[in-house]
Amino acid sequence: MNIEIDAQSHLTITEQIISQIERLIAEGKIKAGDELPAVKDMADRLQISRMTTAKAYALLCGKGIAEQRDGRFIVRVKK
């Protein structure tokens, strides 16, 4: 999953993660049933805090885009 953080963006890091995951879903690069990277793995890859990643994932769940199952985050929307 190719997500990049732009320090110059007017969007917060959390918003950037959400918008990029939404874009990847719209492009069909992430499909319903796909597992998102673990919070720790995503945070380490992007060099951001785990709390920021967890917040982005929680907001994705709140929007109905993902769901948490057994500590994993699974994409639930269909393209």
Foldseek 3Di string as FASTA:
>chain_A
DDAADDPPDPDDRLVSVLVVVVVCVVVVVAAFFDWDDQLVVVCVVHVHDSVSSVVSLVVCVVVVQWDDDPRIITGHDHD
